[in-house]
Protein backbone atom coordinates (compact mmCIF):
# COMPACT_ATOMS: atom_id res chain seq x y z
CA MET A 1 164.97 172.82 133.98
CA THR A 2 161.75 171.15 133.48
CA LEU A 3 159.38 171.44 135.96
CA PRO A 4 157.61 168.25 137.90
CA LEU A 5 153.92 167.63 137.25
CA SER A 6 151.35 168.61 139.83
CA ALA A 7 149.15 165.93 140.97
CA ALA A 8 146.38 167.81 138.97
CA ASP A 9 148.50 167.60 135.98
CA ALA A 10 149.18 163.88 136.20
CA GLU A 11 145.52 163.32 136.61
CA THR A 12 144.81 165.29 133.47
CA PRO A 13 143.60 162.43 131.06
CA GLU A 14 145.09 162.42 127.50
CA ILE A 15 142.86 164.56 124.79
CA ALA A 16 143.67 161.88 121.58
CA LEU A 17 142.24 160.70 118.56
CA ILE A 18 139.84 158.16 120.05
CA ALA A 19 137.61 156.65 116.67
CA LYS A 20 137.82 157.63 112.36
CA PHE A 21 136.14 156.54 109.59
CA ALA A 22 136.31 157.28 105.48
CA THR A 23 133.99 156.55 102.96
CA TYR A 24 134.86 157.41 98.75
CA TYR A 25 132.18 159.59 96.94
CA GLY A 26 135.20 160.39 94.53
CA ASP A 27 133.22 159.45 91.68
CA SER A 28 129.92 161.56 92.34
CA SER A 29 128.37 164.42 90.69
CA GLU A 30 129.58 168.04 91.15
CA ASN A 31 126.39 168.75 92.80
CA ARG A 32 126.74 165.74 95.10
CA LYS A 33 129.96 166.17 96.11
CA HIS A 34 128.75 170.03 97.08
CA ASN A 35 126.18 168.84 99.74
CA ILE A 36 128.80 166.64 101.27
CA ALA A 37 131.73 169.76 101.61
CA LEU A 38 128.38 171.55 102.72
CA ALA A 39 127.01 169.04 105.68
CA ALA A 40 130.46 168.21 106.76
CA SER A 41 131.72 171.75 107.73
CA ALA A 42 128.59 172.24 109.81
CA ILE A 43 129.70 169.66 111.75
CA ASP A 44 133.24 169.82 111.68
CA GLY A 45 134.72 171.12 115.01
CA VAL A 46 131.73 170.60 117.14
CA LEU A 47 132.51 170.05 120.69
CA LEU A 48 130.08 167.39 122.47
CA PRO A 49 130.54 167.60 126.51
CA PRO A 50 130.01 164.18 128.64
CA GLU A 51 126.08 163.06 128.81
CA GLU A 52 124.93 165.52 125.87
CA GLU A 53 123.22 164.57 122.95
CA PHE A 54 124.30 165.11 119.35
CA SER A 55 121.30 165.76 116.56
CA PHE A 56 122.52 165.62 112.54
CA ASN A 57 119.58 167.81 111.95
CA ASP A 58 119.89 170.58 114.88
CA THR A 59 123.57 170.65 113.36
CA VAL A 60 123.31 170.81 109.98
CA GLY A 61 119.90 171.83 109.65
CA ALA A 62 116.91 172.32 107.01
CA ARG A 63 118.98 171.25 103.44
CA THR A 64 117.39 173.69 101.34
CA GLU A 65 118.05 175.64 98.00
CA GLU A 66 117.86 179.07 99.98
CA ARG A 67 120.76 177.51 102.12
CA GLY A 68 123.42 176.65 99.49
CA TYR A 69 122.25 172.76 98.63
CA LYS A 70 121.64 171.54 95.11
CA ALA A 71 119.72 168.62 93.46
CA ALA A 72 121.36 165.45 93.35
CA PHE A 73 120.04 161.94 93.56
CA VAL A 74 118.49 160.69 96.71
CA ILE A 75 116.70 157.76 98.13
CA ASN A 76 112.89 157.54 98.31
CA ASP A 77 110.15 154.84 98.87
CA GLY A 78 112.90 152.39 97.41
CA ALA A 79 113.66 154.38 94.18
CA PHE A 80 116.30 157.01 93.39
CA VAL A 81 115.03 160.15 92.35
CA GLU A 82 116.39 163.33 92.56
CA GLY A 83 116.14 165.49 95.51
CA VAL A 84 117.93 169.03 97.13
CA GLY A 85 120.31 167.78 99.06
CA GLY A 86 121.35 164.59 97.54
CA GLY A 87 124.08 163.00 99.67
CA VAL A 88 124.02 164.23 102.89
CA CYS A 89 123.64 160.61 104.00
CA GLN A 90 127.02 159.92 103.04
CA VAL A 91 127.74 162.67 105.78
CA SER A 92 125.43 161.06 107.92
CA GLY A 93 126.57 157.51 107.60
CA THR A 94 130.22 158.14 107.64
CA LEU A 95 129.91 160.03 111.14
CA TYR A 96 127.55 157.34 112.57
CA ASN A 97 130.17 154.64 112.06
CA CYS A 98 133.07 156.93 113.77
CA ALA A 99 130.48 157.61 116.70
CA LEU A 100 130.08 153.58 116.72
CA LEU A 101 134.06 153.06 116.64
CA ALA A 102 134.10 155.90 119.49
CA ASP A 103 131.86 153.83 121.83
CA LEU A 104 129.63 156.51 121.73
CA ALA A 105 125.78 155.59 122.74
CA VAL A 106 123.59 156.23 119.19
CA THR A 107 119.96 157.17 120.21
CA CYS A 108 118.33 157.86 116.96
CA VAL A 109 119.32 156.05 113.48
CA HIS A 110 117.24 155.06 110.42
CA PRO A 111 118.24 152.59 107.26
CA HIS A 112 117.73 153.80 103.84
CA SER A 113 114.96 151.61 101.98
CA LEU A 114 117.79 150.35 99.63
CA PRO A 115 121.34 149.17 99.76
CA VAL A 116 123.93 152.54 99.27
CA SER A 117 127.29 151.87 98.29
CA TYR A 118 129.76 153.63 100.77
CA VAL A 119 128.89 151.42 103.77
CA ALA A 120 128.24 147.71 104.47
CA PRO A 121 124.39 146.44 105.68
CA SER A 122 122.87 147.93 108.25
CA PHE A 123 125.59 150.58 108.60
CA ASP A 124 124.12 153.32 106.75
CA ALA A 125 122.08 156.02 108.51
CA MET A 126 119.34 157.92 106.66
CA VAL A 127 118.94 161.63 107.73
CA SER A 128 115.71 163.56 106.12
CA SER A 129 113.36 166.37 107.57
CA TRP A 130 111.62 163.71 109.73
CA SER A 131 114.57 161.14 110.46
CA ASP A 132 117.77 161.71 112.71
CA LEU A 133 121.07 160.32 113.24
CA ARG A 134 121.45 161.16 116.91
CA PHE A 135 124.21 159.84 119.83
CA VAL A 136 125.25 160.68 122.85
CA ASN A 137 129.12 161.11 124.69
CA THR A 138 128.91 158.97 127.19
CA LEU A 139 132.77 159.18 127.76
CA SER A 140 134.17 160.55 130.90
CA ALA A 141 135.19 163.98 128.80
CA PRO A 142 134.17 165.95 126.00
CA VAL A 143 134.37 165.06 122.47
CA THR A 144 135.02 167.36 119.49
CA LEU A 145 133.95 165.88 116.05
CA LYS A 146 135.88 166.54 112.78
CA MET A 147 134.79 166.19 109.34
CA THR A 148 136.47 166.43 106.35
CA ALA A 149 135.55 166.60 102.30
CA ASP A 150 138.94 166.28 99.63
CA GLY A 151 136.20 165.57 96.84
CA GLN A 152 137.38 162.10 97.37
CA TYR A 153 137.60 160.97 100.40
CA LEU A 154 134.87 161.91 103.51
CA ARG A 155 136.36 161.34 106.86
CA ALA A 156 135.05 161.48 110.00
CA GLU A 157 137.16 162.06 113.40
CA ILE A 158 136.39 162.36 116.72
CA TYR A 159 138.76 163.03 119.57
CA GLY A 160 138.74 162.58 123.19
CA VAL A 161 139.54 160.41 126.17
CA LYS A 162 139.56 156.87 125.24
CA GLY A 163 136.89 155.14 126.82
CA GLU A 164 137.40 150.99 128.04
CA PHE A 165 137.18 149.02 124.82
CA SER A 166 138.41 149.34 121.52
CA VAL A 167 134.81 148.32 119.38
CA ARG A 168 134.94 146.79 115.92
CA ARG A 169 131.78 146.72 113.10
CA ARG A 170 130.21 143.52 111.52
CA SER A 171 127.81 143.67 108.62
CA GLU A 172 126.01 140.14 108.13
CA THR A 173 123.83 139.36 105.27
CA LEU A 174 121.08 136.86 106.28
CA GLY A 175 119.33 135.91 102.61
CA GLU A 176 118.97 138.06 99.63
CA ILE A 177 115.37 139.33 98.38
CA PRO A 178 114.82 138.61 94.71
CA PHE A 179 113.79 141.40 92.05
CA GLU A 180 111.18 141.13 90.02
CA THR A 181 110.90 141.97 86.32
CA GLU A 182 108.41 144.24 84.84
CA ARG A 183 107.86 144.62 80.94
CA LEU A 184 106.48 147.62 79.44
CA THR A 185 105.37 148.57 75.62
CA ASP A 186 107.75 150.91 73.33
CA THR A 187 106.18 151.38 69.78
CA SER A 188 109.57 153.09 69.17
CA LEU A 189 111.26 150.06 68.97
CA ALA A 190 111.52 147.56 66.26
CA PRO A 191 108.90 144.46 66.38
CA GLY A 192 110.84 141.89 68.94
CA GLU A 193 113.42 144.18 70.28
CA GLU A 194 114.12 144.98 74.02
CA ARG A 195 115.55 148.27 75.84
CA VAL A 196 116.70 147.13 79.53
CA GLU A 197 116.10 150.28 81.26
CA ALA A 198 117.37 149.02 85.00
CA ALA A 199 118.93 146.21 85.11
CA GLY A 200 117.45 144.68 88.41
CA LYS A 201 119.64 144.20 91.99
CA ASN A 202 118.39 141.68 94.79
CA GLY A 203 117.11 143.31 97.76
CA LEU A 204 118.66 141.95 100.93
CA ARG A 205 118.48 141.28 104.99
CA SER A 206 121.23 142.13 107.05
CA GLU A 207 122.39 142.62 110.74
CA GLY A 208 124.79 145.08 112.30
CA TRP A 209 127.34 143.64 114.59
CA LEU A 210 129.70 145.47 117.29
CA GLU A 211 132.59 143.62 118.95
CA TYR A 212 134.37 145.18 121.91
CA PHE A 213 137.73 144.64 123.15
CA ARG A 214 139.94 144.96 126.32
CA ASP A 215 143.96 144.52 125.89
CA GLY A 216 143.34 142.59 122.33
CA ALA A 217 141.04 139.94 123.97
CA LEU A 218 137.02 139.90 122.66
CA VAL A 219 134.90 140.33 126.02
CA ARG A 220 131.30 141.28 124.39
CA THR A 221 129.57 141.20 121.03
CA LEU A 222 126.24 143.05 120.57
CA ARG A 223 123.93 142.90 117.99
CA ILE A 224 122.76 146.57 116.88
CA ARG A 225 120.37 146.31 114.23
CA ARG A 226 118.21 144.01 111.97
CA ASP A 227 117.28 145.80 108.51
CA THR A 228 115.29 144.63 105.44
CA TYR A 229 116.62 146.39 101.94
CA LEU A 230 113.97 146.60 99.48
CA PRO A 231 115.00 144.89 95.64
CA GLN A 232 114.73 147.03 92.87
CA LYS A 233 112.93 146.30 90.05
CA ARG A 234 114.23 144.86 86.37
CA ILE A 235 112.46 147.06 83.82
CA VAL A 236 112.27 146.17 80.21
CA PHE A 237 110.27 148.14 77.28
CA THR A 238 109.59 145.51 74.33
CA ASN A 239 107.59 145.79 71.28
CA VAL A 240 106.32 142.60 71.10
CA VAL A 241 105.67 141.30 67.81
CA ALA A 242 101.28 140.33 68.12
CA GLY A 243 100.79 136.86 68.52
CA GLU A 244 104.24 135.81 69.84
CA LEU A 245 103.87 137.22 73.01
CA PHE A 246 103.51 133.10 74.54
CA PRO A 247 104.83 131.74 71.37
CA HIS A 248 105.31 128.29 73.23
CA THR A 249 101.75 127.77 74.55
CA PRO A 250 99.83 125.33 72.80
CA LEU A 251 95.89 125.89 71.80
CA ARG A 252 93.42 123.73 73.90
CA GLY A 253 90.02 122.98 72.75
CA ILE A 254 86.83 122.87 74.88
């Protein structure tokens, strides 16, 4: 026989999946995959009580060789360079988007200097020794953070008591910033030959928006970010033939 629910049981809110977000990293290097899995494992299972603040850096800790992190590409001052812990920003970015969808209050987030491929502009979250991702559980009950990395997809899930709204994200590109071309000399090339070292990529200005829905109806739209991502130079090496640098420039007398 099934016993009737007590008043306390009837009022106990249901714990369920309230938000999820996934990003792809299957084409990453093995070192980058390793770093992503290591950082994700530090977050998996974290319980965040109401009104408590989560800190990515405090939870994951320093990304050093001594703590098991490996060298992979990172973004530093508008360029891709190799650094210990490369890939960890994909973990913070994936968790950031999941926190937004769960309607948690983000208290600290920083953009990269360049766009990233795994999330839309204005929805990245750069972390480093000086920059953190932080958010507060503003819901009525504790939330549990889950993160898994299977070598192809990085998944973030948040379990708790769903809030009043359903949230959608929207990224808007406001305009592009044209890249410049830098020409350098390489005397090992044949005269007049060119070698493209970097193809170049336009930068952009973007905004991040959240749309709040109640019972399927849009009730609020909020701009949460406005970001500028730098262009990447096109770099061309050439062995210019003497006298042919400006072949179409006429001589002028004085």
